PDB file of N, CA and C in Angstrom:
ATOM      1  N   MET A   1      44.154 -93.449  96.458  1.00  0.00           N
ATOM      2  CA  MET A   1      45.273 -94.256  96.018  1.00  0.00           C
ATOM      3  C   MET A   1      45.044 -94.775  94.606  1.00  0.00           C
ATOM      4  N   GLY A   2      43.808 -95.148  94.278  1.00  0.00           N
ATOM      5  CA  GLY A   2      43.500 -95.674  92.967  1.00  0.00           C
ATOM      6  C   GLY A   2      43.715 -94.643  91.877  1.00  0.00           C
ATOM      7  N   SER A   3      43.396 -93.382  92.158  1.00  0.00           N
ATOM      8  CA  SER A   3      43.566 -92.353  91.139  1.00  0.00           C
ATOM      9  C   SER A   3      45.049 -92.060  90.882  1.00  0.00           C
ATOM     10  N   LYS A   4      45.880 -92.192  91.920  1.00  0.00           N
ATOM     11  CA  LYS A   4      47.316 -92.005  91.725  1.00  0.00           C
ATOM     12  C   LYS A   4      47.877 -93.100  90.820  1.00  0.00           C
ATOM     13  N   ALA A   5      47.455 -94.336  91.067  1.00  0.00           N
ATOM     14  CA  ALA A   5      47.937 -95.452  90.255  1.00  0.00           C
ATOM     15  C   ALA A   5      47.481 -95.275  88.810  1.00  0.00           C
ATOM     16  N   ALA A   6      46.238 -94.867  88.621  1.00  0.00           N
ATOM     17  CA  ALA A   6      45.719 -94.660  87.265  1.00  0.00           C
ATOM     18  C   ALA A   6      46.500 -93.547  86.565  1.00  0.00           C
ATOM     19  N   PHE A   7      46.846 -92.503  87.286  1.00  0.00           N
ATOM     20  CA  PHE A   7      47.616 -91.405  86.706  1.00  0.00           C
ATOM     21  C   PHE A   7      49.001 -91.888  86.279  1.00  0.00           C
ATOM     22  N   ILE A   8      49.640 -92.678  87.147  1.00  0.00           N
ATOM     23  CA  ILE A   8      50.981 -93.174  86.841  1.00  0.00           C
ATOM     24  C   ILE A   8      50.944 -94.099  85.626  1.00  0.00           C
ATOM     25  N   VAL A   9      49.966 -94.986  85.587  1.00  0.00           N
ATOM     26  CA  VAL A   9      49.832 -95.888  84.440  1.00  0.00           C
ATOM     27  C   VAL A   9      49.570 -95.083  83.170  1.00  0.00           C
ATOM     28  N   GLY A  10      48.683 -94.104  83.260  1.00  0.00           N
ATOM     29  CA  GLY A  10      48.380 -93.261  82.099  1.00  0.00           C
ATOM     30  C   GLY A  10      49.594 -92.492  81.618  1.00  0.00           C
ATOM     31  N   ALA A  11      50.354 -91.963  82.563  1.00  0.00           N
ATOM     32  CA  ALA A  11      51.556 -91.220  82.182  1.00  0.00           C
ATOM     33  C   ALA A  11      52.577 -92.148  81.524  1.00  0.00           C
ATOM     34  N   GLY A  12      52.728 -93.348  82.059  1.00  0.00           N
ATOM     35  CA  GLY A  12      53.659 -94.311  81.472  1.00  0.00           C
ATOM     36  C   GLY A  12      53.244 -94.714  80.067  1.00  0.00           C
ATOM     37  N   LEU A  13      51.950 -94.972  79.880  1.00  0.00           N
ATOM     38  CA  LEU A  13      51.465 -95.320  78.539  1.00  0.00           C
ATOM     39  C   LEU A  13      51.609 -94.143  77.584  1.00  0.00           C
ATOM     40  N   GLY A  14      51.351 -92.951  78.079  1.00  0.00           N
ATOM     41  CA  GLY A  14      51.517 -91.760  77.244  1.00  0.00           C
ATOM     42  C   GLY A  14      52.948 -91.601  76.784  1.00  0.00           C
ATOM     43  N   TYR A  15      53.887 -91.857  77.682  1.00  0.00           N
ATOM     44  CA  TYR A  15      55.309 -91.774  77.318  1.00  0.00           C
ATOM     45  C   TYR A  15      55.650 -92.833  76.280  1.00  0.00           C
ATOM     46  N   LEU A  16      55.236 -94.082  76.568  1.00  0.00           N
ATOM     47  CA  LEU A  16      55.588 -95.182  75.670  1.00  0.00           C
ATOM     48  C   LEU A  16      54.994 -95.010  74.275  1.00  0.00           C
ATOM     49  N   LEU A  17      53.765 -94.577  74.214  1.00  0.00           N
ATOM     50  CA  LEU A  17      53.094 -94.496  72.926  1.00  0.00           C
ATOM     51  C   LEU A  17      53.200 -93.124  72.271  1.00  0.00           C
ATOM     52  N   GLY A  18      53.477 -92.103  73.056  1.00  0.00           N
ATOM     53  CA  GLY A  18      53.432 -90.753  72.527  1.00  0.00           C
ATOM     54  C   GLY A  18      54.759 -90.132  72.156  1.00  0.00           C
ATOM     55  N   THR A  19      55.840 -90.726  72.579  1.00  0.00           N
ATOM     56  CA  THR A  19      57.144 -90.137  72.267  1.00  0.00           C
ATOM     57  C   THR A  19      57.978 -91.101  71.438  1.00  0.00           C
ATOM     58  N   LYS A  20      58.909 -90.536  70.700  1.00  0.00           N
ATOM     59  CA  LYS A  20      59.782 -91.364  69.870  1.00  0.00           C
ATOM     60  C   LYS A  20      60.624 -92.292  70.750  1.00  0.00           C
ATOM     61  N   ALA A  21      61.140 -91.778  71.846  1.00  0.00           N
ATOM     62  CA  ALA A  21      61.948 -92.601  72.760  1.00  0.00           C
ATOM     63  C   ALA A  21      61.102 -93.728  73.350  1.00  0.00           C
ATOM     64  N   GLY A  22      59.835 -93.443  73.649  1.00  0.00           N
ATOM     65  CA  GLY A  22      58.941 -94.459  74.190  1.00  0.00           C
ATOM     66  C   GLY A  22      58.668 -95.547  73.171  1.00  0.00           C
ATOM     67  N   ARG A  23      58.413 -95.143  71.933  1.00  0.00           N
ATOM     68  CA  ARG A  23      58.165 -96.133  70.878  1.00  0.00           C
ATOM     69  C   ARG A  23      59.405 -96.985  70.637  1.00  0.00           C
ATOM     70  N   GLU A  24      60.592 -96.368  70.742  1.00  0.00           N
ATOM     71  CA  GLU A  24      61.822 -97.133  70.588  1.00  0.00           C
ATOM     72  C   GLU A  24      61.955 -98.178  71.699  1.00  0.00           C
ATOM     73  N   GLN A  25      61.569 -97.813  72.922  1.00  0.00           N
ATOM     74  CA  GLN A  25      61.599 -98.759  74.035  1.00  0.00           C
ATOM     75  C   GLN A  25      60.629 -99.918  73.790  1.00  0.00           C
ATOM     76  N   VAL A  26      59.451 -99.588  73.281  1.00  0.00           N
ATOM     77  CA  VAL A  26      58.468-100.629  72.987  1.00  0.00           C
ATOM     78  C   VAL A  26      59.021-101.588  71.939  1.00  0.00           C
ATOM     79  N   GLU A  27      59.630-101.049  70.899  1.00  0.00           N
ATOM     80  CA  GLU A  27      60.201-101.899  69.853  1.00  0.00           C
ATOM     81  C   GLU A  27      61.348-102.746  70.388  1.00  0.00           C
ATOM     82  N   LYS A  28      62.151-102.189  71.289  1.00  0.00           N
ATOM     83  CA  LYS A  28      63.265-102.939  71.876  1.00  0.00           C
ATOM     84  C   LYS A  28      62.727-104.122  72.681  1.00  0.00           C
ATOM     85  N   VAL A  29      61.708-103.878  73.503  1.00  0.00           N
ATOM     86  CA  VAL A  29      61.119-104.947  74.308  1.00  0.00           C
ATOM     87  C   VAL A  29      60.446-105.975  73.401  1.00  0.00           C
ATOM     88  N   ARG A  30      59.800-105.500  72.367  1.00  0.00           N
ATOM     89  CA  ARG A  30      59.153-106.401  71.418  1.00  0.00           C
ATOM     90  C   ARG A  30      60.192-107.331  70.758  1.00  0.00           C
ATOM     91  N   GLY A  31      61.332-106.785  70.410  1.00  0.00           N
ATOM     92  CA  GLY A  31      62.407-107.601  69.839  1.00  0.00           C
ATOM     93  C   GLY A  31      62.898-108.642  70.823  1.00  0.00           C
ATOM     94  N   TRP A  32      63.056-108.249  72.097  1.00  0.00           N
ATOM     95  CA  TRP A  32      63.495-109.202  73.116  1.00  0.00           C
ATOM     96  C   TRP A  32      62.495-110.345  73.266  1.00  0.00           C
ATOM     97  N   THR A  33      61.211-109.996  73.290  1.00  0.00           N
ATOM     98  CA  THR A  33      60.211-111.047  73.470  1.00  0.00           C
ATOM     99  C   THR A  33      60.178-111.979  72.265  1.00  0.00           C
ATOM    100  N   GLN A  34      60.317-111.441  71.074  1.00  0.00           N
ATOM    101  CA  GLN A  34      60.343-112.295  69.889  1.00  0.00           C
ATOM    102  C   GLN A  34      61.563-113.209  69.894  1.00  0.00           C
ATOM    103  N   ASP A  35      62.715-112.670  70.304  1.00  0.00           N
ATOM    104  CA  ASP A  35      63.924-113.490  70.394  1.00  0.00           C
ATOM    105  C   ASP A  35      63.750-114.606  71.420  1.00  0.00           C
ATOM    106  N   ALA A  36      63.177-114.259  72.565  1.00  0.00           N
ATOM    107  CA  ALA A  36      62.964-115.262  73.616  1.00  0.00           C
ATOM    108  C   ALA A  36      61.993-116.340  73.140  1.00  0.00           C
ATOM    109  N   TRP A  37      60.920-115.936  72.477  1.00  0.00           N
ATOM    110  CA  TRP A  37      59.923-116.897  72.007  1.00  0.00           C
ATOM    111  C   TRP A  37      60.508-117.819  70.934  1.00  0.00           C
ATOM    112  N   SER A  38      61.403-117.302  70.131  1.00  0.00           N
ATOM    113  CA  SER A  38      62.007-118.092  69.054  1.00  0.00           C
ATOM    114  C   SER A  38      63.124-119.009  69.546  1.00  0.00           C
ATOM    115  N   ASP A  39      63.566-118.847  70.774  1.00  0.00           N
ATOM    116  CA  ASP A  39      64.638-119.666  71.334  1.00  0.00           C
ATOM    117  C   ASP A  39      64.221-121.139  71.334  1.00  0.00           C
ATOM    118  N   PRO A  40      65.073-122.017  70.835  1.00  0.00           N
ATOM    119  CA  PRO A  40      64.730-123.447  70.784  1.00  0.00           C
ATOM    120  C   PRO A  40      64.413-124.048  72.159  1.00  0.00           C
ATOM    121  N   ARG A  41      65.079-123.551  73.209  1.00  0.00           N
ATOM    122  CA  ARG A  41      64.789-124.070  74.553  1.00  0.00           C
ATOM    123  C   ARG A  41      63.370-123.731  74.971  1.00  0.00           C
ATOM    124  N   VAL A  42      62.929-122.517  74.650  1.00  0.00           N
ATOM    125  CA  VAL A  42      61.558-122.103  74.987  1.00  0.00           C
ATOM    126  C   VAL A  42      60.568-122.933  74.180  1.00  0.00           C
ATOM    127  N   GLN A  43      60.824-123.106  72.903  1.00  0.00           N
ATOM    128  CA  GLN A  43      59.917-123.871  72.055  1.00  0.00           C
ATOM    129  C   GLN A  43      59.848-125.338  72.485  1.00  0.00           C
ATOM    130  N   ALA A  44      60.967-125.882  72.976  1.00  0.00           N
ATOM    131  CA  ALA A  44      60.946-127.256  73.484  1.00  0.00           C
ATOM    132  C   ALA A  44      60.028-127.356  74.697  1.00  0.00           C
ATOM    133  N   GLN A  45      60.089-126.366  75.583  1.00  0.00           N
ATOM    134  CA  GLN A  45      59.208-126.347  76.754  1.00  0.00           C
ATOM    135  C   GLN A  45      57.747-126.186  76.336  1.00  0.00           C
ATOM    136  N   VAL A  46      57.508-125.337  75.365  1.00  0.00           N
ATOM    137  CA  VAL A  46      56.140-125.111  74.888  1.00  0.00           C
ATOM    138  C   VAL A  46      55.574-126.411  74.316  1.00  0.00           C
ATOM    139  N   THR A  47      56.351-127.098  73.515  1.00  0.00           N
ATOM    140  CA  THR A  47      55.915-128.359  72.919  1.00  0.00           C
ATOM    141  C   THR A  47      55.646-129.401  73.995  1.00  0.00           C
ATOM    142  N   ASP A  48      56.543-129.486  74.969  1.00  0.00           N
ATOM    143  CA  ASP A  48      56.389-130.452  76.061  1.00  0.00           C
ATOM    144  C   ASP A  48      55.124-130.164  76.864  1.00  0.00           C
ATOM    145  N   LEU A  49      54.925-128.910  77.242  1.00  0.00           N
ATOM    146  CA  LEU A  49      53.745-128.551  78.025  1.00  0.00           C
ATOM    147  C   LEU A  49      52.462-128.732  77.224  1.00  0.00           C
ATOM    148  N   SER A  50      52.527-128.467  75.937  1.00  0.00           N
ATOM    149  CA  SER A  50      51.354-128.646  75.090  1.00  0.00           C
ATOM    150  C   SER A  50      50.947-130.114  75.030  1.00  0.00           C
ATOM    151  N   SER A  51      51.921-130.991  74.879  1.00  0.00           N
ATOM    152  CA  SER A  51      51.603-132.423  74.822  1.00  0.00           C
ATOM    153  C   SER A  51      51.082-132.920  76.171  1.00  0.00           C
ATOM    154  N   LYS A  52      51.645-132.412  77.270  1.00  0.00           N
ATOM    155  CA  LYS A  52      51.153-132.789  78.601  1.00  0.00           C
ATOM    156  C   LYS A  52      49.718-132.306  78.804  1.00  0.00           C
ATOM    157  N   ALA A  53      49.434-131.081  78.369  1.00  0.00           N
ATOM    158  CA  ALA A  53      48.077-130.544  78.510  1.00  0.00           C
ATOM    159  C   ALA A  53      47.089-131.347  77.675  1.00  0.00           C
ATOM    160  N   THR A  54      47.494-131.748  76.484  1.00  0.00           N
ATOM    161  CA  THR A  54      46.621-132.548  75.625  1.00  0.00           C
ATOM    162  C   THR A  54      46.329-133.890  76.272  1.00  0.00           C
ATOM    163  N   GLU A  55      47.349-134.530  76.789  1.00  0.00           N
ATOM    164  CA  GLU A  55      47.168-135.830  77.445  1.00  0.00           C
ATOM    165  C   GLU A  55      46.285-135.699  78.682  1.00  0.00           C
ATOM    166  N   PHE A  56      46.498-134.665  79.471  1.00  0.00           N
ATOM    167  CA  PHE A  56      45.679-134.420  80.663  1.00  0.00           C
ATOM    168  C   PHE A  56      44.222-134.218  80.269  1.00  0.00           C
ATOM    169  N   ALA A  57      43.982-133.447  79.226  1.00  0.00           N
ATOM    170  CA  ALA A  57      42.610-133.198  78.786  1.00  0.00           C
ATOM    171  C   ALA A  57      41.938-134.481  78.325  1.00  0.00           C
ATOM    172  N   LYS A  58      42.693-135.345  77.646  1.00  0.00           N
ATOM    173  CA  LYS A  58      42.121-136.621  77.187  1.00  0.00           C
ATOM    174  C   LYS A  58      41.745-137.505  78.363  1.00  0.00           C
ATOM    175  N   THR A  59      42.647-137.653  79.323  1.00  0.00           N
ATOM    176  CA  THR A  59      42.370-138.552  80.446  1.00  0.00           C
ATOM    177  C   THR A  59      41.329-137.965  81.392  1.00  0.00           C
ATOM    178  N   GLU A  60      41.472-136.721  81.735  1.00  0.00           N
ATOM    179  CA  GLU A  60      40.539-136.119  82.673  1.00  0.00           C
ATOM    180  C   GLU A  60      39.198-135.798  82.017  1.00  0.00           C
ATOM    181  N   GLY A  61      39.210-135.589  80.714  1.00  0.00           N
ATOM    182  CA  GLY A  61      37.954-135.335  80.009  1.00  0.00           C
ATOM    183  C   GLY A  61      37.043-136.542  80.077  1.00  0.00           C
ATOM    184  N   ALA A  62      37.616-137.722  79.913  1.00  0.00           N
ATOM    185  CA  ALA A  62      36.819-138.949  80.012  1.00  0.00           C
ATOM    186  C   ALA A  62      36.286-139.128  81.430  1.00  0.00           C
ATOM    187  N   ALA A  63      37.120-138.851  82.420  1.00  0.00           N
ATOM    188  CA  ALA A  63      36.683-138.969  83.812  1.00  0.00           C
ATOM    189  C   ALA A  63      35.577-137.964  84.109  1.00  0.00           C
ATOM    190  N   LEU A  64      35.714-136.753  83.600  1.00  0.00           N
ATOM    191  CA  LEU A  64      34.692-135.736  83.819  1.00  0.00           C
ATOM    192  C   LEU A  64      33.389-136.138  83.149  1.00  0.00           C
ATOM    193  N   LYS A  65      33.485-136.699  81.964  1.00  0.00           N
ATOM    194  CA  LYS A  65      32.294-137.169  81.251  1.00  0.00           C
ATOM    195  C   LYS A  65      31.568-138.220  82.090  1.00  0.00           C
ATOM    196  N   ASP A  66      32.318-139.140  82.674  1.00  0.00           N
ATOM    197  CA  ASP A  66      31.714-140.176  83.510  1.00  0.00           C
ATOM    198  C   ASP A  66      31.060-139.581  84.746  1.00  0.00           C
ATOM    199  N   ARG A  67      31.702-138.612  85.370  1.00  0.00           N
ATOM    200  CA  ARG A  67      31.131-137.976  86.562  1.00  0.00           C
ATOM    201  C   ARG A  67      29.845-137.238  86.228  1.00  0.00           C
ATOM    202  N   VAL A  68      29.828-136.552  85.094  1.00  0.00           N
ATOM    203  CA  VAL A  68      28.621-135.835  84.688  1.00  0.00           C
ATOM    204  C   VAL A  68      27.497-136.820  84.397  1.00  0.00           C
ATOM    205  N   ALA A  69      27.828-137.927  83.751  1.00  0.00           N
ATOM    206  CA  ALA A  69      26.815-138.947  83.455  1.00  0.00           C
ATOM    207  C   ALA A  69      26.236-139.521  84.745  1.00  0.00           C
ATOM    208  N   GLU A  70      27.096-139.807  85.720  1.00  0.00           N
ATOM    209  CA  GLU A  70      26.621-140.313  87.013  1.00  0.00           C
ATOM    210  C   GLU A  70      25.717-139.304  87.694  1.00  0.00           C
ATOM    211  N   PHE A  71      26.117-138.052  87.686  1.00  0.00           N
ATOM    212  CA  PHE A  71      25.311-137.001  88.310  1.00  0.00           C
ATOM    213  C   PHE A  71      23.962-136.878  87.617  1.00  0.00           C
ATOM    214  N   ALA A  72      23.969-136.940  86.301  1.00  0.00           N
ATOM    215  CA  ALA A  72      22.721-136.823  85.550  1.00  0.00           C
ATOM    216  C   ALA A  72      21.783-137.976  85.881  1.00  0.00           C
ATOM    217  N   LYS A  73      22.338-139.178  86.036  1.00  0.00           N
ATOM    218  CA  LYS A  73      21.501-140.327  86.393  1.00  0.00           C
ATOM    219  C   LYS A  73      20.934-140.170  87.789  1.00  0.00           C
ATOM    220  N   SER A  74      21.765-139.729  88.735  1.00  0.00           N
ATOM    221  CA  SER A  74      21.300-139.622  90.121  1.00  0.00           C
ATOM    222  C   SER A  74      20.344-138.450  90.311  1.00  0.00           C
ATOM    223  N   GLU A  75      20.531-137.390  89.586  1.00  0.00           N
ATOM    224  CA  GLU A  75      19.686-136.211  89.734  1.00  0.00           C
ATOM    225  C   GLU A  75      18.674-136.083  88.602  1.00  0.00           C
ATOM    226  N   GLY A  76      18.639-137.062  87.724  1.00  0.00           N
ATOM    227  CA  GLY A  76      17.794-136.978  86.537  1.00  0.00           C
ATOM    228  C   GLY A  76      16.337-136.767  86.843  1.00  0.00           C
ATOM    229  N   SER A  77      15.778-137.515  87.799  1.00  0.00           N
ATOM    230  CA  SER A  77      14.350-137.382  88.078  1.00  0.00           C
ATOM    231  C   SER A  77      14.041-136.007  88.662  1.00  0.00           C
ATOM    232  N   THR A  78      14.898-135.510  89.543  1.00  0.00           N
ATOM    233  CA  THR A  78      14.695-134.176  90.113  1.00  0.00           C
ATOM    234  C   THR A  78      14.773-133.122  89.021  1.00  0.00           C
ATOM    235  N   PHE A  79      15.746-133.263  88.143  1.00  0.00           N
ATOM    236  CA  PHE A  79      15.900-132.307  87.047  1.00  0.00           C
ATOM    237  C   PHE A  79      14.691-132.353  86.120  1.00  0.00           C
ATOM    238  N   LYS A  80      14.224-133.559  85.805  1.00  0.00           N
ATOM    239  CA  LYS A  80      13.062-133.691  84.933  1.00  0.00           C
ATOM    240  C   LYS A  80      11.831-133.031  85.545  1.00  0.00           C
ATOM    241  N   GLU A  81      11.664-133.186  86.861  1.00  0.00           N
ATOM    242  CA  GLU A  81      10.528-132.558  87.542  1.00  0.00           C
ATOM    243  C   GLU A  81      10.629-131.037  87.467  1.00  0.00           C
ATOM    244  N   LYS A  82      11.800-130.514  87.727  1.00  0.00           N
ATOM    245  CA  LYS A  82      11.996-129.065  87.653  1.00  0.00           C
ATOM    246  C   LYS A  82      11.780-128.566  86.232  1.00  0.00           C
ATOM    247  N   LEU A  83      12.311-129.304  85.271  1.00  0.00           N
ATOM    248  CA  LEU A  83      12.158-128.915  83.879  1.00  0.00           C
ATOM    249  C   LEU A  83      10.689-128.951  83.477  1.00  0.00           C
ATOM    250  N   ALA A  84       9.986-129.982  83.893  1.00  0.00           N
ATOM    251  CA  ALA A  84       8.568-130.089  83.557  1.00  0.00           C
ATOM    252  C   ALA A  84       7.792-128.919  84.154  1.00  0.00           C
ATOM    253  N   GLY A  85       8.102-128.555  85.383  1.00  0.00           N
ATOM    254  CA  GLY A  85       7.432-127.413  86.007  1.00  0.00           C
ATOM    255  C   GLY A  85       7.706-126.124  85.259  1.00  0.00           C
ATOM    256  N   THR A  86       8.915-125.967  84.786  1.00  0.00           N
ATOM    257  CA  THR A  86       9.279-124.772  84.029  1.00  0.00           C
ATOM    258  C   THR A  86       8.540-124.736  82.702  1.00  0.00           C
ATOM    259  N   VAL A  87       8.495-125.865  82.032  1.00  0.00           N
ATOM    260  CA  VAL A  87       7.799-125.921  80.745  1.00  0.00           C
ATOM    261  C   VAL A  87       6.321-125.642  80.938  1.00  0.00           C
ATOM    262  N   GLU A  88       5.717-126.210  81.977  1.00  0.00           N
ATOM    263  CA  GLU A  88       4.298-125.959  82.246  1.00  0.00           C
ATOM    264  C   GLU A  88       4.059-124.480  82.511  1.00  0.00           C
ATOM    265  N   TYR A  89       4.945-123.832  83.265  1.00  0.00           N
ATOM    266  CA  TYR A  89       4.803-122.412  83.555  1.00  0.00           C
ATOM    267  C   TYR A  89       4.860-121.596  82.271  1.00  0.00           C
ATOM    268  N   VAL A  90       5.806-121.911  81.398  1.00  0.00           N
ATOM    269  CA  VAL A  90       5.950-121.166  80.152  1.00  0.00           C
ATOM    270  C   VAL A  90       4.716-121.357  79.283  1.00  0.00           C
ATOM    271  N   VAL A  91       4.235-122.595  79.181  1.00  0.00           N
ATOM    272  CA  VAL A  91       3.049-122.865  78.367  1.00  0.00           C
ATOM    273  C   VAL A  91       1.843-122.148  78.947  1.00  0.00           C
ATOM    274  N   ASP A  92       1.659-122.205  80.271  1.00  0.00           N
ATOM    275  CA  ASP A  92       0.537-121.530  80.906  1.00  0.00           C
ATOM    276  C   ASP A  92       0.585-120.032  80.671  1.00  0.00           C
ATOM    277  N   SER A  93       1.772-119.435  80.788  1.00  0.00           N
ATOM    278  CA  SER A  93       1.870-117.984  80.621  1.00  0.00           C
ATOM    279  C   SER A  93       1.611-117.584  79.180  1.00  0.00           C
ATOM    280  N   ARG A  94       1.947-118.432  78.232  1.00  0.00           N
ATOM    281  CA  ARG A  94       1.669-118.126  76.826  1.00  0.00           C
ATOM    282  C   ARG A  94       0.182-118.258  76.526  1.00  0.00           C
ATOM    283  N   GLU A  95      -0.469-119.242  77.134  1.00  0.00           N
ATOM    284  CA  GLU A  95      -1.883-119.446  76.886  1.00  0.00           C
ATOM    285  C   GLU A  95      -2.730-118.338  77.493  1.00  0.00           C
ATOM    286  N   SER A  96      -2.267-117.787  78.611  1.00  0.00           N
ATOM    287  CA  SER A  96      -3.062-116.752  79.261  1.00  0.00           C
ATOM    288  C   SER A  96      -2.929-115.406  78.543  1.00  0.00           C
ATOM    289  N   GLY A  97      -1.960-115.286  77.665  1.00  0.00           N
ATOM    290  CA  GLY A  97      -1.820-114.076  76.872  1.00  0.00           C
ATOM    291  C   GLY A  97      -0.933-113.049  77.540  1.00  0.00           C
ATOM    292  N   PRO A  98      -0.482-112.079  76.768  1.00  0.00           N
ATOM    293  CA  PRO A  98       0.403-111.055  77.331  1.00  0.00           C
ATOM    294  C   PRO A  98      -0.357-110.126  78.268  1.00  0.00           C
ATOM    295  N   GLY A  99       0.314-109.795  79.350  1.00  0.00           N
ATOM    296  CA  GLY A  99      -0.226-108.811  80.284  1.00  0.00           C
ATOM    297  C   GLY A  99      -1.299-109.356  81.200  1.00  0.00           C
ATOM    298  N   THR A 100      -1.553-110.665  81.189  1.00  0.00           N
ATOM    299  CA  THR A 100      -2.586-111.217  82.063  1.00  0.00           C
ATOM    300  C   THR A 100      -2.013-111.984  83.238  1.00  0.00           C
ATOM    301  N   ASN A 101      -0.692-111.954  83.413  1.00  0.00           N
ATOM    302  CA  ASN A 101      -0.056-112.698  84.512  1.00  0.00           C
ATOM    303  C   ASN A 101      -0.289-112.008  85.802  1.00  0.00           C
TER     304      ASN A 101
END
């Protein structure tokens, strides 16, 4: 089934990109999308959603920062122990030289 789908997609792309009629269809669709994107109603929605996303990122970003800080405080000693063990391992392996592990 996958090879049939790949063949159909390939044939469609070949038509669109390889023939004059296909390229004309691509240009027609491209014009429609540009017209739709330039529509003031679409741009109003884009602006509105952009401002909402910015506000959400500001408010939730601060909350996320606080949650990460709390987690770091609660797990800090465990993390430090793991990190120290890792650093000791790296230092030990460097001191013992290459190929002696």
